[in-house]
Amino acid sequence: MFLKKILYYLNPMNLFHRDENVGTSLRLMHGVNKISFLLFLICLAIMTVRWWMR
């Protein structure tokens, strides 16, 4: 289930998907969560590359 949620966040089709049943606050919260998750993955990749180049 955890992997399924990660793959859902990484899917570009779901990145800008608009759910009509969700309020504005919840939609903004999900958007911020997606952005922070993608930034985390980018930083993790950069840290791994820097560690590998050492």
PDB file of N, CA and C in Angstrom:
ATOM      1  N   MET A   1       0.824  -1.182   0.000  1.00  0.00           N
ATOM      2  CA  MET A   1       0.000   0.000   0.000  1.00  0.00           C
ATOM      3  C   MET A   1       0.876   1.257   0.000  1.00  0.00           C
ATOM      4  N   PHE A   2       1.976   1.231   0.727  1.00  0.00           N
ATOM      5  CA  PHE A   2       2.892   2.370   0.773  1.00  0.00           C
ATOM      6  C   PHE A   2       3.493   2.619  -0.597  1.00  0.00           C
ATOM      7  N   LEU A   3       3.924   1.550  -1.262  1.00  0.00           N
ATOM      8  CA  LEU A   3       4.502   1.668  -2.599  1.00  0.00           C
ATOM      9  C   LEU A   3       3.461   2.171  -3.596  1.00  0.00           C
ATOM     10  N   LYS A   4       2.230   1.737  -3.433  1.00  0.00           N
ATOM     11  CA  LYS A   4       1.150   2.177  -4.304  1.00  0.00           C
ATOM     12  C   LYS A   4       0.930   3.686  -4.179  1.00  0.00           C
ATOM     13  N   LYS A   5       1.002   4.218  -2.965  1.00  0.00           N
ATOM     14  CA  LYS A   5       0.836   5.652  -2.729  1.00  0.00           C
ATOM     15  C   LYS A   5       2.001   6.436  -3.321  1.00  0.00           C
ATOM     16  N   ILE A   6       3.230   5.919  -3.206  1.00  0.00           N
ATOM     17  CA  ILE A   6       4.396   6.580  -3.798  1.00  0.00           C
ATOM     18  C   ILE A   6       4.262   6.628  -5.314  1.00  0.00           C
ATOM     19  N   LEU A   7       3.858   5.526  -5.923  1.00  0.00           N
ATOM     20  CA  LEU A   7       3.681   5.501  -7.369  1.00  0.00           C
ATOM     21  C   LEU A   7       2.560   6.437  -7.809  1.00  0.00           C
ATOM     22  N   TYR A   8       1.538   6.598  -6.981  1.00  0.00           N
ATOM     23  CA  TYR A   8       0.457   7.543  -7.282  1.00  0.00           C
ATOM     24  C   TYR A   8       0.989   8.973  -7.271  1.00  0.00           C
ATOM     25  N   TYR A   9       1.848   9.305  -6.309  1.00  0.00           N
ATOM     26  CA  TYR A   9       2.426  10.651  -6.245  1.00  0.00           C
ATOM     27  C   TYR A   9       3.365  10.920  -7.407  1.00  0.00           C
ATOM     28  N   LEU A  10       4.082   9.903  -7.865  1.00  0.00           N
ATOM     29  CA  LEU A  10       5.054  10.082  -8.933  1.00  0.00           C
ATOM     30  C   LEU A  10       4.430  10.087 -10.322  1.00  0.00           C
ATOM     31  N   ASN A  11       3.184   9.694 -10.443  1.00  0.00           N
ATOM     32  CA  ASN A  11       2.512   9.657 -11.729  1.00  0.00           C
ATOM     33  C   ASN A  11       2.222  11.083 -12.198  1.00  0.00           C
ATOM     34  N   PRO A  12       2.761  11.498 -13.344  1.00  0.00           N
ATOM     35  CA  PRO A  12       2.527  12.869 -13.812  1.00  0.00           C
ATOM     36  C   PRO A  12       1.061  13.158 -14.113  1.00  0.00           C
ATOM     37  N   MET A  13       0.280  12.140 -14.435  1.00  0.00           N
ATOM     38  CA  MET A  13      -1.141  12.349 -14.709  1.00  0.00           C
ATOM     39  C   MET A  13      -1.897  12.778 -13.447  1.00  0.00           C
ATOM     40  N   ASN A  14      -1.424  12.343 -12.280  1.00  0.00           N
ATOM     41  CA  ASN A  14      -2.089  12.679 -11.024  1.00  0.00           C
ATOM     42  C   ASN A  14      -1.547  13.955 -10.396  1.00  0.00           C
ATOM     43  N   LEU A  15      -0.480  14.498 -10.953  1.00  0.00           N
ATOM     44  CA  LEU A  15       0.141  15.664 -10.358  1.00  0.00           C
ATOM     45  C   LEU A  15      -0.789  16.875 -10.386  1.00  0.00           C
ATOM     46  N   PHE A  16      -1.501  17.062 -11.485  1.00  0.00           N
ATOM     47  CA  PHE A  16      -2.404  18.203 -11.614  1.00  0.00           C
ATOM     48  C   PHE A  16      -3.864  17.769 -11.699  1.00  0.00           C
ATOM     49  N   HIS A  17      -4.146  16.570 -11.220  1.00  0.00           N
ATOM     50  CA  HIS A  17      -5.511  16.043 -11.230  1.00  0.00           C
ATOM     51  C   HIS A  17      -6.378  16.828 -10.253  1.00  0.00           C
ATOM     52  N   ARG A  18      -7.560  17.194 -10.679  1.00  0.00           N
ATOM     53  CA  ARG A  18      -8.456  17.988  -9.838  1.00  0.00           C
ATOM     54  C   ARG A  18      -9.648  17.141  -9.437  1.00  0.00           C
ATOM     55  N   ASP A  19      -9.787  16.907  -8.139  1.00  0.00           N
ATOM     56  CA  ASP A  19     -10.909  16.135  -7.611  1.00  0.00           C
ATOM     57  C   ASP A  19     -12.011  17.101  -7.205  1.00  0.00           C
ATOM     58  N   GLU A  20     -13.191  16.932  -7.755  1.00  0.00           N
ATOM     59  CA  GLU A  20     -14.291  17.861  -7.512  1.00  0.00           C
ATOM     60  C   GLU A  20     -14.902  17.707  -6.117  1.00  0.00           C
ATOM     61  N   ASN A  21     -14.738  16.561  -5.477  1.00  0.00           N
ATOM     62  CA  ASN A  21     -15.360  16.301  -4.175  1.00  0.00           C
ATOM     63  C   ASN A  21     -14.539  16.814  -2.999  1.00  0.00           C
ATOM     64  N   VAL A  22     -13.391  17.386  -3.265  1.00  0.00           N
ATOM     65  CA  VAL A  22     -12.478  17.808  -2.208  1.00  0.00           C
ATOM     66  C   VAL A  22     -12.494  19.333  -2.113  1.00  0.00           C
ATOM     67  N   GLY A  23     -12.443  19.846  -0.893  1.00  0.00           N
ATOM     68  CA  GLY A  23     -12.415  21.284  -0.682  1.00  0.00           C
ATOM     69  C   GLY A  23     -11.080  21.895  -1.058  1.00  0.00           C
ATOM     70  N   THR A  24     -11.059  23.214  -1.069  1.00  0.00           N
ATOM     71  CA  THR A  24      -9.860  23.936  -1.484  1.00  0.00           C
ATOM     72  C   THR A  24      -8.690  23.693  -0.540  1.00  0.00           C
ATOM     73  N   SER A  25      -8.952  23.708   0.750  1.00  0.00           N
ATOM     74  CA  SER A  25      -7.872  23.528   1.721  1.00  0.00           C
ATOM     75  C   SER A  25      -7.219  22.156   1.582  1.00  0.00           C
ATOM     76  N   LEU A  26      -8.024  21.134   1.439  1.00  0.00           N
ATOM     77  CA  LEU A  26      -7.495  19.776   1.313  1.00  0.00           C
ATOM     78  C   LEU A  26      -6.732  19.610   0.000  1.00  0.00           C
ATOM     79  N   ARG A  27      -7.232  20.226  -1.052  1.00  0.00           N
ATOM     80  CA  ARG A  27      -6.554  20.155  -2.349  1.00  0.00           C
ATOM     81  C   ARG A  27      -5.191  20.835  -2.285  1.00  0.00           C
ATOM     82  N   LEU A  28      -5.122  22.007  -1.629  1.00  0.00           N
ATOM     83  CA  LEU A  28      -3.842  22.691  -1.479  1.00  0.00           C
ATOM     84  C   LEU A  28      -2.879  21.883  -0.617  1.00  0.00           C
ATOM     85  N   MET A  29      -3.402  21.249   0.426  1.00  0.00           N
ATOM     86  CA  MET A  29      -2.555  20.426   1.289  1.00  0.00           C
ATOM     87  C   MET A  29      -1.960  19.260   0.499  1.00  0.00           C
ATOM     88  N   HIS A  30      -2.764  18.611  -0.336  1.00  0.00           N
ATOM     89  CA  HIS A  30      -2.254  17.509  -1.146  1.00  0.00           C
ATOM     90  C   HIS A  30      -1.217  18.006  -2.149  1.00  0.00           C
ATOM     91  N   GLY A  31      -1.420  19.198  -2.685  1.00  0.00           N
ATOM     92  CA  GLY A  31      -0.449  19.770  -3.608  1.00  0.00           C
ATOM     93  C   GLY A  31       0.886  20.036  -2.937  1.00  0.00           C
ATOM     94  N   VAL A  32       0.848  20.590  -1.735  1.00  0.00           N
ATOM     95  CA  VAL A  32       2.081  20.849  -0.987  1.00  0.00           C
ATOM     96  C   VAL A  32       2.765  19.536  -0.635  1.00  0.00           C
ATOM     97  N   ASN A  33       1.997  18.524  -0.280  1.00  0.00           N
ATOM     98  CA  ASN A  33       2.574  17.209   0.030  1.00  0.00           C
ATOM     99  C   ASN A  33       3.281  16.620  -1.185  1.00  0.00           C
ATOM    100  N   LYS A  34       2.682  16.765  -2.369  1.00  0.00           N
ATOM    101  CA  LYS A  34       3.310  16.238  -3.581  1.00  0.00           C
ATOM    102  C   LYS A  34       4.609  16.973  -3.889  1.00  0.00           C
ATOM    103  N   ILE A  35       4.590  18.297  -3.730  1.00  0.00           N
ATOM    104  CA  ILE A  35       5.796  19.086  -3.994  1.00  0.00           C
ATOM    105  C   ILE A  35       6.903  18.720  -3.023  1.00  0.00           C
ATOM    106  N   SER A  36       6.566  18.600  -1.735  1.00  0.00           N
ATOM    107  CA  SER A  36       7.592  18.266  -0.742  1.00  0.00           C
ATOM    108  C   SER A  36       8.133  16.854  -0.957  1.00  0.00           C
ATOM    109  N   PHE A  37       7.290  15.933  -1.370  1.00  0.00           N
ATOM    110  CA  PHE A  37       7.739  14.575  -1.634  1.00  0.00           C
ATOM    111  C   PHE A  37       8.696  14.544  -2.824  1.00  0.00           C
ATOM    112  N   LEU A  38       8.375  15.286  -3.879  1.00  0.00           N
ATOM    113  CA  LEU A  38       9.268  15.325  -5.045  1.00  0.00           C
ATOM    114  C   LEU A  38      10.593  15.988  -4.704  1.00  0.00           C
ATOM    115  N   LEU A  39      10.561  17.055  -3.907  1.00  0.00           N
ATOM    116  CA  LEU A  39      11.803  17.690  -3.481  1.00  0.00           C
ATOM    117  C   LEU A  39      12.646  16.758  -2.623  1.00  0.00           C
ATOM    118  N   PHE A  40      11.994  15.981  -1.777  1.00  0.00           N
ATOM    119  CA  PHE A  40      12.711  15.000  -0.963  1.00  0.00           C
ATOM    120  C   PHE A  40      13.417  13.976  -1.843  1.00  0.00           C
ATOM    121  N   LEU A  41      12.738  13.482  -2.862  1.00  0.00           N
ATOM    122  CA  LEU A  41      13.351  12.503  -3.753  1.00  0.00           C
ATOM    123  C   LEU A  41      14.514  13.104  -4.535  1.00  0.00           C
ATOM    124  N   ILE A  42      14.374  14.354  -4.953  1.00  0.00           N
ATOM    125  CA  ILE A  42      15.461  15.018  -5.671  1.00  0.00           C
ATOM    126  C   ILE A  42      16.671  15.189  -4.760  1.00  0.00           C
ATOM    127  N   CYS A  43      16.442  15.643  -3.525  1.00  0.00           N
ATOM    128  CA  CYS A  43      17.546  15.813  -2.571  1.00  0.00           C
ATOM    129  C   CYS A  43      18.203  14.481  -2.237  1.00  0.00           C
ATOM    130  N   LEU A  44      17.397  13.435  -2.105  1.00  0.00           N
ATOM    131  CA  LEU A  44      17.944  12.110  -1.836  1.00  0.00           C
ATOM    132  C   LEU A  44      18.828  11.645  -2.993  1.00  0.00           C
ATOM    133  N   ALA A  45      18.411  11.916  -4.212  1.00  0.00           N
ATOM    134  CA  ALA A  45      19.214  11.551  -5.374  1.00  0.00           C
ATOM    135  C   ALA A  45      20.520  12.340  -5.405  1.00  0.00           C
ATOM    136  N   ILE A  46      20.464  13.634  -5.099  1.00  0.00           N
ATOM    137  CA  ILE A  46      21.679  14.461  -5.084  1.00  0.00           C
ATOM    138  C   ILE A  46      22.637  13.973  -4.004  1.00  0.00           C
ATOM    139  N   MET A  47      22.121  13.660  -2.824  1.00  0.00           N
ATOM    140  CA  MET A  47      22.976  13.165  -1.746  1.00  0.00           C
ATOM    141  C   MET A  47      23.614  11.832  -2.123  1.00  0.00           C
ATOM    142  N   THR A  48      22.875  10.979  -2.799  1.00  0.00           N
ATOM    143  CA  THR A  48      23.408   9.680  -3.221  1.00  0.00           C
ATOM    144  C   THR A  48      24.508   9.870  -4.257  1.00  0.00           C
ATOM    145  N   VAL A  49      24.321  10.781  -5.199  1.00  0.00           N
ATOM    146  CA  VAL A  49      25.336  11.037  -6.216  1.00  0.00           C
ATOM    147  C   VAL A  49      26.585  11.613  -5.590  1.00  0.00           C
ATOM    148  N   ARG A  50      26.431  12.554  -4.665  1.00  0.00           N
ATOM    149  CA  ARG A  50      27.598  13.125  -3.984  1.00  0.00           C
ATOM    150  C   ARG A  50      28.333  12.079  -3.169  1.00  0.00           C
ATOM    151  N   TRP A  51      27.608  11.179  -2.501  1.00  0.00           N
ATOM    152  CA  TRP A  51      28.240  10.114  -1.732  1.00  0.00           C
ATOM    153  C   TRP A  51      28.977   9.166  -2.669  1.00  0.00           C
ATOM    154  N   TRP A  52      28.384   8.881  -3.806  1.00  0.00           N
ATOM    155  CA  TRP A  52      28.985   7.950  -4.764  1.00  0.00           C
ATOM    156  C   TRP A  52      30.252   8.531  -5.383  1.00  0.00           C
ATOM    157  N   MET A  53      30.292   9.870  -5.573  1.00  0.00           N
ATOM    158  CA  MET A  53      31.450  10.511  -6.196  1.00  0.00           C
ATOM    159  C   MET A  53      32.618  10.676  -5.229  1.00  0.00           C
ATOM    160  N   ARG A  54      32.404  10.502  -3.960  1.00  0.00           N
ATOM    161  CA  ARG A  54      33.465  10.647  -2.963  1.00  0.00           C
ATOM    162  C   ARG A  54      34.548   9.668  -3.146  1.00  0.00           C
TER     163      ARG A  54
END
